[in-house]
């Protein structure tokens, strides 16, 4: 090894040792620091954990921060993708524990994220993951919790939708699925079939009137194959129901929208109101 390489290697080792001060190493070679260590059962494979997480590059740049986003993450603890990965670290913890793990960036991107390491992250460097375990659940516990929350939100939604319809003095039709709509301008008689491409203009708002999206802002209608689950369930049903040229108010309860999942500006369990026009139908070949 040349003198230059020896010096470079010594610098790399000294940098890693400085980064690793105060860290211990587990049997998988994972560098870790436990900040809060509670009693209880350790996290195991198959558990669903709710985590606050901040991870940084070796230059201390924040790459991800749930505290800033205001949304903890849920993930199922699975098998290791490589020795010393995050799963190895999580299995050392229990509910309410907090810790920091140093994870090799090359292995993380190649074997866990399954895409190339970004150029701004140095080859051979370690990312620091600081986590706080808010909750540990089994799959059955999570499903039971989600079912209870969905039932609660559904009851609340029904009350809010009824108030909205009453306040707006709408004369609506409700389908078996729960979709609610009112035709404001009747078009012709042509209907789309599953697989046809529909061309639609829309403005989407919440029940409070705040707009979250609109094709009319750009002046360009949206095209999509209807009935193919490309869009939310409420849209597939609505555009298979109304006819070409029809304008309508369509109210999608969250069960026909994004359900318990947030999507961009749309919070979980959101009722969505759309002012739509079915501009054209392009028949499938």
C-alpha atoms as a PDB file:
ATOM      1  CA  UNK A   1       0.000   0.000   0.000  1.00  0.00           C
ATOM      2  CA  UNK A   2       1.374   3.431  -0.950  1.00  0.00           C
ATOM      3  CA  UNK A   3       1.991   6.191   1.593  1.00  0.00           C
ATOM      4  CA  UNK A   4      -0.955   8.146   0.133  1.00  0.00           C
ATOM      5  CA  UNK A   5      -3.310   5.189   0.521  1.00  0.00           C
ATOM      6  CA  UNK A   6      -2.071   4.558   4.049  1.00  0.00           C
ATOM      7  CA  UNK A   7      -2.784   8.168   4.984  1.00  0.00           C
ATOM      8  CA  UNK A   8      -6.251   8.040   3.362  1.00  0.00           C
ATOM      9  CA  UNK A   9      -7.083   4.819   5.214  1.00  0.00           C
ATOM     10  CA  UNK A  10      -5.918   6.297   8.519  1.00  0.00           C
ATOM     11  CA  UNK A  11      -8.073   9.386   7.983  1.00  0.00           C
ATOM     12  CA  UNK A  12     -11.142   7.259   7.177  1.00  0.00           C
ATOM     13  CA  UNK A  13     -10.635   5.135  10.292  1.00  0.00           C
ATOM     14  CA  UNK A  14     -10.168   8.177  12.511  1.00  0.00           C
ATOM     15  CA  UNK A  15     -13.335   9.793  11.084  1.00  0.00           C
ATOM     16  CA  UNK A  16     -15.385   6.645  11.713  1.00  0.00           C
ATOM     17  CA  UNK A  17     -13.984   6.277  15.228  1.00  0.00           C
ATOM     18  CA  UNK A  18     -14.892   9.885  15.982  1.00  0.00           C
ATOM     19  CA  UNK A  19     -18.405   9.252  14.652  1.00  0.00           C
ATOM     20  CA  UNK A  20     -18.626   6.068  16.696  1.00  0.00           C
ATOM     21  CA  UNK A  21     -17.528   7.519  20.056  1.00  0.00           C
ATOM     22  CA  UNK A  22     -19.847   6.219  22.775  1.00  0.00           C
ATOM     23  CA  UNK A  23     -21.349   3.575  20.513  1.00  0.00           C
ATOM     24  CA  UNK A  24     -21.408  -0.135  21.227  1.00  0.00           C
ATOM     25  CA  UNK A  25     -21.465  -2.952  18.677  1.00  0.00           C
ATOM     26  CA  UNK A  26     -23.993  -5.790  18.632  1.00  0.00           C
ATOM     27  CA  UNK A  27     -23.433  -9.335  17.364  1.00  0.00           C
ATOM     28  CA  UNK A  28     -24.383  -8.271  13.826  1.00  0.00           C
ATOM     29  CA  UNK A  29     -21.753  -5.546  13.784  1.00  0.00           C
ATOM     30  CA  UNK A  30     -24.312  -2.758  14.230  1.00  0.00           C
ATOM     31  CA  UNK A  31     -23.018   0.361  15.975  1.00  0.00           C
ATOM     32  CA  UNK A  32     -25.649   1.598  18.461  1.00  0.00           C
ATOM     33  CA  UNK A  33     -26.404   3.866  21.404  1.00  0.00           C
ATOM     34  CA  UNK A  34     -29.460   3.211  23.594  1.00  0.00           C
ATOM     35  CA  UNK A  35     -30.861   6.489  24.931  1.00  0.00           C
ATOM     36  CA  UNK A  36     -33.941   5.126  26.734  1.00  0.00           C
ATOM     37  CA  UNK A  37     -34.099   1.483  27.818  1.00  0.00           C
ATOM     38  CA  UNK A  38     -37.459   0.278  29.135  1.00  0.00           C
ATOM     39  CA  UNK A  39     -38.449  -3.126  30.453  1.00  0.00           C
ATOM     40  CA  UNK A  40     -40.746  -5.345  28.417  1.00  0.00           C
ATOM     41  CA  UNK A  41     -40.746  -7.723  25.488  1.00  0.00           C
ATOM     42  CA  UNK A  42     -38.266  -6.982  22.747  1.00  0.00           C
ATOM     43  CA  UNK A  43     -39.538  -6.177  19.268  1.00  0.00           C
ATOM     44  CA  UNK A  44     -39.675  -9.282  17.110  1.00  0.00           C
ATOM     45  CA  UNK A  45     -40.107 -10.102  13.462  1.00  0.00           C
ATOM     46  CA  UNK A  46     -43.712  -9.578  12.378  1.00  0.00           C
ATOM     47  CA  UNK A  47     -44.407  -6.798  14.878  1.00  0.00           C
ATOM     48  CA  UNK A  48     -45.720  -3.477  13.572  1.00  0.00           C
ATOM     49  CA  UNK A  49     -43.888  -0.544  15.112  1.00  0.00           C
ATOM     50  CA  UNK A  50     -44.880   3.102  15.143  1.00  0.00           C
ATOM     51  CA  UNK A  51     -41.693   5.172  15.080  1.00  0.00           C
ATOM     52  CA  UNK A  52     -40.457   8.703  15.304  1.00  0.00           C
ATOM     53  CA  UNK A  53     -37.321   8.761  13.189  1.00  0.00           C
ATOM     54  CA  UNK A  54     -34.609  11.172  12.158  1.00  0.00           C
ATOM     55  CA  UNK A  55     -31.784  10.034   9.937  1.00  0.00           C
ATOM     56  CA  UNK A  56     -28.744  11.982   8.866  1.00  0.00           C
ATOM     57  CA  UNK A  57     -25.762  11.702   6.573  1.00  0.00           C
ATOM     58  CA  UNK A  58     -22.236  11.530   7.980  1.00  0.00           C
ATOM     59  CA  UNK A  59     -22.022  15.315   7.409  1.00  0.00           C
ATOM     60  CA  UNK A  60     -25.021  15.684   9.758  1.00  0.00           C
ATOM     61  CA  UNK A  61     -27.437  16.709   6.988  1.00  0.00           C
ATOM     62  CA  UNK A  62     -30.991  15.672   7.910  1.00  0.00           C
ATOM     63  CA  UNK A  63     -32.380  13.342   5.230  1.00  0.00           C
ATOM     64  CA  UNK A  64     -35.659  12.422   6.922  1.00  0.00           C
ATOM     65  CA  UNK A  65     -37.489  13.712  10.009  1.00  0.00           C
ATOM     66  CA  UNK A  66     -40.910  12.556  11.214  1.00  0.00           C
ATOM     67  CA  UNK A  67     -41.016  15.308  13.831  1.00  0.00           C
ATOM     68  CA  UNK A  68     -40.945  17.947  11.101  1.00  0.00           C
ATOM     69  CA  UNK A  69     -43.445  16.111   8.912  1.00  0.00           C
ATOM     70  CA  UNK A  70     -45.739  15.581  11.904  1.00  0.00           C
ATOM     71  CA  UNK A  71     -46.367  11.987  10.852  1.00  0.00           C
ATOM     72  CA  UNK A  72     -44.849   8.990  12.646  1.00  0.00           C
ATOM     73  CA  UNK A  73     -44.148   6.010  10.422  1.00  0.00           C
ATOM     74  CA  UNK A  74     -45.515   2.495  10.764  1.00  0.00           C
ATOM     75  CA  UNK A  75     -43.517  -0.431   9.513  1.00  0.00           C
ATOM     76  CA  UNK A  76     -43.538  -4.180   9.901  1.00  0.00           C
ATOM     77  CA  UNK A  77     -40.324  -5.572  11.338  1.00  0.00           C
ATOM     78  CA  UNK A  78     -38.997  -8.065   8.844  1.00  0.00           C
ATOM     79  CA  UNK A  79     -35.931 -10.194   8.279  1.00  0.00           C
ATOM     80  CA  UNK A  80     -32.544  -8.570   7.894  1.00  0.00           C
ATOM     81  CA  UNK A  81     -31.558  -7.403   4.432  1.00  0.00           C
ATOM     82  CA  UNK A  82     -27.910  -7.334   5.585  1.00  0.00           C
ATOM     83  CA  UNK A  83     -26.022  -7.715   8.853  1.00  0.00           C
ATOM     84  CA  UNK A  84     -26.177  -4.526  10.897  1.00  0.00           C
ATOM     85  CA  UNK A  85     -29.310  -3.136   9.228  1.00  0.00           C
ATOM     86  CA  UNK A  86     -32.140  -1.206  10.899  1.00  0.00           C
ATOM     87  CA  UNK A  87     -34.135  -4.382  11.587  1.00  0.00           C
ATOM     88  CA  UNK A  88     -31.227  -5.670  13.658  1.00  0.00           C
ATOM     89  CA  UNK A  89     -31.381  -2.480  15.703  1.00  0.00           C
ATOM     90  CA  UNK A  90     -35.149  -2.446  16.185  1.00  0.00           C
ATOM     91  CA  UNK A  91     -35.082  -6.001  17.565  1.00  0.00           C
ATOM     92  CA  UNK A  92     -32.901  -4.705  20.410  1.00  0.00           C
ATOM     93  CA  UNK A  93     -35.651  -2.322  21.550  1.00  0.00           C
ATOM     94  CA  UNK A  94     -39.022  -2.420  23.272  1.00  0.00           C
ATOM     95  CA  UNK A  95     -41.953   0.011  23.360  1.00  0.00           C
ATOM     96  CA  UNK A  96     -40.978   3.586  24.364  1.00  0.00           C
ATOM     97  CA  UNK A  97     -37.253   2.907  23.864  1.00  0.00           C
ATOM     98  CA  UNK A  98     -35.083   5.327  21.923  1.00  0.00           C
ATOM     99  CA  UNK A  99     -31.721   4.732  20.284  1.00  0.00           C
ATOM    100  CA  UNK A 100     -29.306   5.793  17.554  1.00  0.00           C
ATOM    101  CA  UNK A 101     -27.902   3.327  15.004  1.00  0.00           C
ATOM    102  CA  UNK A 102     -25.049   3.792  12.537  1.00  0.00           C
ATOM    103  CA  UNK A 103     -25.832   1.981   9.294  1.00  0.00           C
ATOM    104  CA  UNK A 104     -23.563   1.525   6.309  1.00  0.00           C
ATOM    105  CA  UNK A 105     -24.870   3.700   3.470  1.00  0.00           C
ATOM    106  CA  UNK A 106     -23.690   1.411   0.653  1.00  0.00           C
ATOM    107  CA  UNK A 107     -25.451  -1.654   2.094  1.00  0.00           C
ATOM    108  CA  UNK A 108     -28.550   0.356   3.035  1.00  0.00           C
ATOM    109  CA  UNK A 109     -29.186   1.654  -0.463  1.00  0.00           C
ATOM    110  CA  UNK A 110     -28.185  -1.534  -2.270  1.00  0.00           C
ATOM    111  CA  UNK A 111     -29.874  -4.131  -0.062  1.00  0.00           C
ATOM    112  CA  UNK A 112     -32.693  -2.315   1.774  1.00  0.00           C
ATOM    113  CA  UNK A 113     -33.761   0.608  -0.436  1.00  0.00           C
ATOM    114  CA  UNK A 114     -32.864  -1.292  -3.636  1.00  0.00           C
ATOM    115  CA  UNK A 115     -31.640   1.715  -5.568  1.00  0.00           C
ATOM    116  CA  UNK A 116     -28.212   3.281  -6.101  1.00  0.00           C
ATOM    117  CA  UNK A 117     -26.611   5.335  -3.364  1.00  0.00           C
ATOM    118  CA  UNK A 118     -27.115   9.030  -4.194  1.00  0.00           C
ATOM    119  CA  UNK A 119     -23.952  10.847  -5.214  1.00  0.00           C
ATOM    120  CA  UNK A 120     -24.256  13.325  -2.337  1.00  0.00           C
ATOM    121  CA  UNK A 121     -23.870  10.485   0.195  1.00  0.00           C
ATOM    122  CA  UNK A 122     -20.229   9.503   0.508  1.00  0.00           C
ATOM    123  CA  UNK A 123     -19.239   5.940  -0.411  1.00  0.00           C
ATOM    124  CA  UNK A 124     -18.362   3.895   2.664  1.00  0.00           C
ATOM    125  CA  UNK A 125     -20.045   6.403   4.994  1.00  0.00           C
ATOM    126  CA  UNK A 126     -22.530   5.622   7.753  1.00  0.00           C
ATOM    127  CA  UNK A 127     -25.991   7.135   8.180  1.00  0.00           C
ATOM    128  CA  UNK A 128     -27.219   7.763  11.703  1.00  0.00           C
ATOM    129  CA  UNK A 129     -30.789   6.685  12.482  1.00  0.00           C
ATOM    130  CA  UNK A 130     -32.234   8.074  15.711  1.00  0.00           C
ATOM    131  CA  UNK A 131     -35.520   6.363  16.554  1.00  0.00           C
ATOM    132  CA  UNK A 132     -38.136   6.472  19.293  1.00  0.00           C
ATOM    133  CA  UNK A 133     -40.574   3.554  19.490  1.00  0.00           C
ATOM    134  CA  UNK A 134     -44.029   5.006  20.165  1.00  0.00           C
ATOM    135  CA  UNK A 135     -45.943   1.732  19.895  1.00  0.00           C
ATOM    136  CA  UNK A 136     -45.446  -1.977  19.214  1.00  0.00           C
ATOM    137  CA  UNK A 137     -48.376  -4.044  17.930  1.00  0.00           C
ATOM    138  CA  UNK A 138     -49.081  -7.432  16.464  1.00  0.00           C
ATOM    139  CA  UNK A 139     -50.775  -7.565  13.057  1.00  0.00           C
ATOM    140  CA  UNK A 140     -54.060  -8.574  14.728  1.00  0.00           C
ATOM    141  CA  UNK A 141     -53.845  -5.681  17.190  1.00  0.00           C
ATOM    142  CA  UNK A 142     -53.234  -3.203  14.383  1.00  0.00           C
ATOM    143  CA  UNK A 143     -56.116  -4.560  12.318  1.00  0.00           C
ATOM    144  CA  UNK A 144     -58.439  -4.369  15.340  1.00  0.00           C
ATOM    145  CA  UNK A 145     -57.334  -0.793  16.035  1.00  0.00           C
ATOM    146  CA  UNK A 146     -57.830   0.233  12.404  1.00  0.00           C
ATOM    147  CA  UNK A 147     -61.273  -1.365  12.304  1.00  0.00           C
ATOM    148  CA  UNK A 148     -62.371   0.513  15.418  1.00  0.00           C
ATOM    149  CA  UNK A 149     -60.968   3.787  14.075  1.00  0.00           C
ATOM    150  CA  UNK A 150     -62.626   3.264  10.690  1.00  0.00           C
ATOM    151  CA  UNK A 151     -66.015   2.627  12.335  1.00  0.00           C
ATOM    152  CA  UNK A 152     -65.611   5.737  14.474  1.00  0.00           C
ATOM    153  CA  UNK A 153     -64.611   7.915  11.528  1.00  0.00           C
ATOM    154  CA  UNK A 154     -67.369   6.467   9.341  1.00  0.00           C
ATOM    155  CA  UNK A 155     -70.022   7.437  11.895  1.00  0.00           C
ATOM    156  CA  UNK A 156     -68.562  10.943  12.150  1.00  0.00           C
ATOM    157  CA  UNK A 157     -68.365  11.249   8.363  1.00  0.00           C
ATOM    158  CA  UNK A 158     -72.031  10.316   7.961  1.00  0.00           C
ATOM    159  CA  UNK A 159     -73.062  13.135  10.290  1.00  0.00           C
ATOM    160  CA  UNK A 160     -70.815  15.651   8.530  1.00  0.00           C
ATOM    161  CA  UNK A 161     -71.959  14.616   5.040  1.00  0.00           C
ATOM    162  CA  UNK A 162     -75.615  14.850   6.023  1.00  0.00           C
ATOM    163  CA  UNK A 163     -75.014  18.360   7.415  1.00  0.00           C
ATOM    164  CA  UNK A 164     -73.167  19.349   4.227  1.00  0.00           C
ATOM    165  CA  UNK A 165     -76.012  18.141   1.999  1.00  0.00           C
ATOM    166  CA  UNK A 166     -78.588  19.930   4.165  1.00  0.00           C
ATOM    167  CA  UNK A 167     -76.637  23.189   4.373  1.00  0.00           C
ATOM    168  CA  UNK A 168     -76.040  23.222   0.603  1.00  0.00           C
ATOM    169  CA  UNK A 169     -79.691  22.290  -0.062  1.00  0.00           C
ATOM    170  CA  UNK A 170     -78.596  19.492  -2.392  1.00  0.00           C
ATOM    171  CA  UNK A 171     -81.032  16.974  -3.878  1.00  0.00           C
ATOM    172  CA  UNK A 172     -78.744  13.955  -4.009  1.00  0.00           C
ATOM    173  CA  UNK A 173     -78.827  10.303  -4.981  1.00  0.00           C
ATOM    174  CA  UNK A 174     -77.016   7.761  -2.818  1.00  0.00           C
ATOM    175  CA  UNK A 175     -75.786   4.492  -4.289  1.00  0.00           C
ATOM    176  CA  UNK A 176     -75.409   1.138  -2.513  1.00  0.00           C
ATOM    177  CA  UNK A 177     -71.675   1.771  -2.050  1.00  0.00           C
ATOM    178  CA  UNK A 178     -72.275   5.090  -0.283  1.00  0.00           C
ATOM    179  CA  UNK A 179     -71.437   7.371  -3.217  1.00  0.00           C
ATOM    180  CA  UNK A 180     -73.545  10.532  -3.183  1.00  0.00           C
ATOM    181  CA  UNK A 181     -74.112  12.685  -6.254  1.00  0.00           C
ATOM    182  CA  UNK A 182     -76.356  15.318  -7.769  1.00  0.00           C
ATOM    183  CA  UNK A 183     -76.588  16.028 -11.478  1.00  0.00           C
ATOM    184  CA  UNK A 184     -76.387  19.794 -12.012  1.00  0.00           C
ATOM    185  CA  UNK A 185     -76.566  19.682 -15.811  1.00  0.00           C
ATOM    186  CA  UNK A 186     -77.823  16.637 -17.686  1.00  0.00           C
ATOM    187  CA  UNK A 187     -75.824  15.614 -20.731  1.00  0.00           C
ATOM    188  CA  UNK A 188     -76.702  13.093 -23.432  1.00  0.00           C
ATOM    189  CA  UNK A 189     -77.409   9.400 -23.105  1.00  0.00           C
ATOM    190  CA  UNK A 190     -73.981   7.893 -23.826  1.00  0.00           C
ATOM    191  CA  UNK A 191     -72.337   6.115 -20.904  1.00  0.00           C
ATOM    192  CA  UNK A 192     -68.808   4.844 -20.504  1.00  0.00           C
ATOM    193  CA  UNK A 193     -68.061   1.144 -20.121  1.00  0.00           C
ATOM    194  CA  UNK A 194     -65.237  -0.407 -18.143  1.00  0.00           C
ATOM    195  CA  UNK A 195     -61.985   0.177 -20.017  1.00  0.00           C
ATOM    196  CA  UNK A 196     -63.175   3.252 -21.920  1.00  0.00           C
ATOM    197  CA  UNK A 197     -61.107   6.396 -21.499  1.00  0.00           C
ATOM    198  CA  UNK A 198     -63.059   9.244 -19.955  1.00  0.00           C
ATOM    199  CA  UNK A 199     -62.094  12.897 -20.312  1.00  0.00           C
ATOM    200  CA  UNK A 200     -63.143  14.890 -17.268  1.00  0.00           C
ATOM    201  CA  UNK A 201     -62.882  18.302 -15.712  1.00  0.00           C
ATOM    202  CA  UNK A 202     -63.026  18.441 -11.938  1.00  0.00           C
ATOM    203  CA  UNK A 203     -62.498  20.590  -8.886  1.00  0.00           C
ATOM    204  CA  UNK A 204     -61.914  18.765  -5.610  1.00  0.00           C
ATOM    205  CA  UNK A 205     -62.681  20.281  -2.216  1.00  0.00           C
ATOM    206  CA  UNK A 206     -63.117  19.145   1.367  1.00  0.00           C
ATOM    207  CA  UNK A 207     -66.409  19.548   3.205  1.00  0.00           C
ATOM    208  CA  UNK A 208     -65.169  22.881   4.561  1.00  0.00           C
ATOM    209  CA  UNK A 209     -64.842  24.193   0.996  1.00  0.00           C
ATOM    210  CA  UNK A 210     -61.047  24.246   0.849  1.00  0.00           C
ATOM    211  CA  UNK A 211     -59.808  23.214  -2.597  1.00  0.00           C
ATOM    212  CA  UNK A 212     -57.093  20.569  -2.882  1.00  0.00           C
ATOM    213  CA  UNK A 213     -56.964  20.022  -6.668  1.00  0.00           C
ATOM    214  CA  UNK A 214     -58.538  21.123  -9.955  1.00  0.00           C
ATOM    215  CA  UNK A 215     -58.046  20.349 -13.624  1.00  0.00           C
ATOM    216  CA  UNK A 216     -59.681  23.682 -14.391  1.00  0.00           C
ATOM    217  CA  UNK A 217     -56.687  25.539 -12.975  1.00  0.00           C
ATOM    218  CA  UNK A 218     -54.595  24.330 -15.902  1.00  0.00           C
ATOM    219  CA  UNK A 219     -57.462  24.295 -18.383  1.00  0.00           C
ATOM    220  CA  UNK A 220     -56.574  20.726 -19.326  1.00  0.00           C
ATOM    221  CA  UNK A 221     -59.048  17.908 -18.554  1.00  0.00           C
ATOM    222  CA  UNK A 222     -57.883  14.636 -17.049  1.00  0.00           C
ATOM    223  CA  UNK A 223     -58.041  11.396 -19.052  1.00  0.00           C
ATOM    224  CA  UNK A 224     -58.020   7.913 -17.548  1.00  0.00           C
ATOM    225  CA  UNK A 225     -59.384   4.401 -18.228  1.00  0.00           C
ATOM    226  CA  UNK A 226     -62.522   4.084 -16.135  1.00  0.00           C
ATOM    227  CA  UNK A 227     -63.288   1.028 -14.009  1.00  0.00           C
ATOM    228  CA  UNK A 228     -59.636  -0.075 -13.918  1.00  0.00           C
ATOM    229  CA  UNK A 229     -58.767   1.123 -10.398  1.00  0.00           C
ATOM    230  CA  UNK A 230     -56.495   3.820 -11.788  1.00  0.00           C
ATOM    231  CA  UNK A 231     -58.416   6.367  -9.713  1.00  0.00           C
ATOM    232  CA  UNK A 232     -60.286   6.193  -6.390  1.00  0.00           C
ATOM    233  CA  UNK A 233     -63.322   3.897  -6.192  1.00  0.00           C
ATOM    234  CA  UNK A 234     -65.734   6.823  -6.023  1.00  0.00           C
ATOM    235  CA  UNK A 235     -64.512   8.147  -9.351  1.00  0.00           C
ATOM    236  CA  UNK A 236     -64.729   4.798 -11.103  1.00  0.00           C
ATOM    237  CA  UNK A 237     -68.329   4.476  -9.974  1.00  0.00           C
ATOM    238  CA  UNK A 238     -69.277   8.084 -10.708  1.00  0.00           C
ATOM    239  CA  UNK A 239     -67.968   8.113 -14.277  1.00  0.00           C
ATOM    240  CA  UNK A 240     -69.601   4.781 -15.055  1.00  0.00           C
ATOM    241  CA  UNK A 241     -72.886   6.275 -13.802  1.00  0.00           C
ATOM    242  CA  UNK A 242     -73.200   9.744 -15.322  1.00  0.00           C
ATOM    243  CA  UNK A 243     -73.440  10.335 -19.066  1.00  0.00           C
ATOM    244  CA  UNK A 244     -71.307  12.228 -21.572  1.00  0.00           C
ATOM    245  CA  UNK A 245     -71.737  15.988 -21.203  1.00  0.00           C
ATOM    246  CA  UNK A 246     -73.167  15.714 -17.687  1.00  0.00           C
ATOM    247  CA  UNK A 247     -72.042  17.979 -14.885  1.00  0.00           C
ATOM    248  CA  UNK A 248     -72.469  16.800 -11.300  1.00  0.00           C
ATOM    249  CA  UNK A 249     -71.533  17.231  -7.671  1.00  0.00           C
ATOM    250  CA  UNK A 250     -69.994  13.977  -6.431  1.00  0.00           C
ATOM    251  CA  UNK A 251     -69.418  13.310  -2.727  1.00  0.00           C
ATOM    252  CA  UNK A 252     -66.994  10.484  -1.971  1.00  0.00           C
ATOM    253  CA  UNK A 253     -66.856   9.242   1.622  1.00  0.00           C
ATOM    254  CA  UNK A 254     -63.371   8.167   2.664  1.00  0.00           C
ATOM    255  CA  UNK A 255     -64.278   4.501   2.075  1.00  0.00           C
ATOM    256  CA  UNK A 256     -64.490   5.372  -1.637  1.00  0.00           C
ATOM    257  CA  UNK A 257     -61.483   7.714  -1.479  1.00  0.00           C
ATOM    258  CA  UNK A 258     -58.203   7.221   0.336  1.00  0.00           C
ATOM    259  CA  UNK A 259     -59.612   5.651   3.512  1.00  0.00           C
ATOM    260  CA  UNK A 260     -57.297   5.626   6.536  1.00  0.00           C
ATOM    261  CA  UNK A 261     -54.285   6.700   4.477  1.00  0.00           C
ATOM    262  CA  UNK A 262     -53.186  10.285   3.911  1.00  0.00           C
ATOM    263  CA  UNK A 263     -52.384  11.192   0.307  1.00  0.00           C
ATOM    264  CA  UNK A 264     -50.449  14.393  -0.311  1.00  0.00           C
ATOM    265  CA  UNK A 265     -52.661  17.279   0.836  1.00  0.00           C
ATOM    266  CA  UNK A 266     -55.514  14.901   1.654  1.00  0.00           C
ATOM    267  CA  UNK A 267     -55.615  13.747   5.305  1.00  0.00           C
ATOM    268  CA  UNK A 268     -56.717  10.267   6.347  1.00  0.00           C
ATOM    269  CA  UNK A 269     -60.473   9.646   6.517  1.00  0.00           C
ATOM    270  CA  UNK A 270     -61.286  12.654   4.318  1.00  0.00           C
ATOM    271  CA  UNK A 271     -64.664  13.109   2.644  1.00  0.00           C
ATOM    272  CA  UNK A 272     -64.002  14.460  -0.846  1.00  0.00           C
ATOM    273  CA  UNK A 273     -66.395  16.665  -2.839  1.00  0.00           C
ATOM    274  CA  UNK A 274     -65.935  16.961  -6.594  1.00  0.00           C
ATOM    275  CA  UNK A 275     -67.549  19.347  -9.060  1.00  0.00           C
ATOM    276  CA  UNK A 276     -67.172  17.272 -12.228  1.00  0.00           C
ATOM    277  CA  UNK A 277     -67.966  17.327 -15.937  1.00  0.00           C
ATOM    278  CA  UNK A 278     -67.734  14.257 -18.153  1.00  0.00           C
ATOM    279  CA  UNK A 279     -66.390  16.026 -21.239  1.00  0.00           C
ATOM    280  CA  UNK A 280     -65.869  13.048 -23.536  1.00  0.00           C
ATOM    281  CA  UNK A 281     -65.744   9.261 -23.745  1.00  0.00           C
ATOM    282  CA  UNK A 282     -63.163   7.490 -25.911  1.00  0.00           C
ATOM    283  CA  UNK A 283     -64.376   3.969 -26.517  1.00  0.00           C
ATOM    284  CA  UNK A 284     -61.936   1.148 -25.912  1.00  0.00           C
ATOM    285  CA  UNK A 285     -60.782  -0.666 -29.019  1.00  0.00           C
END
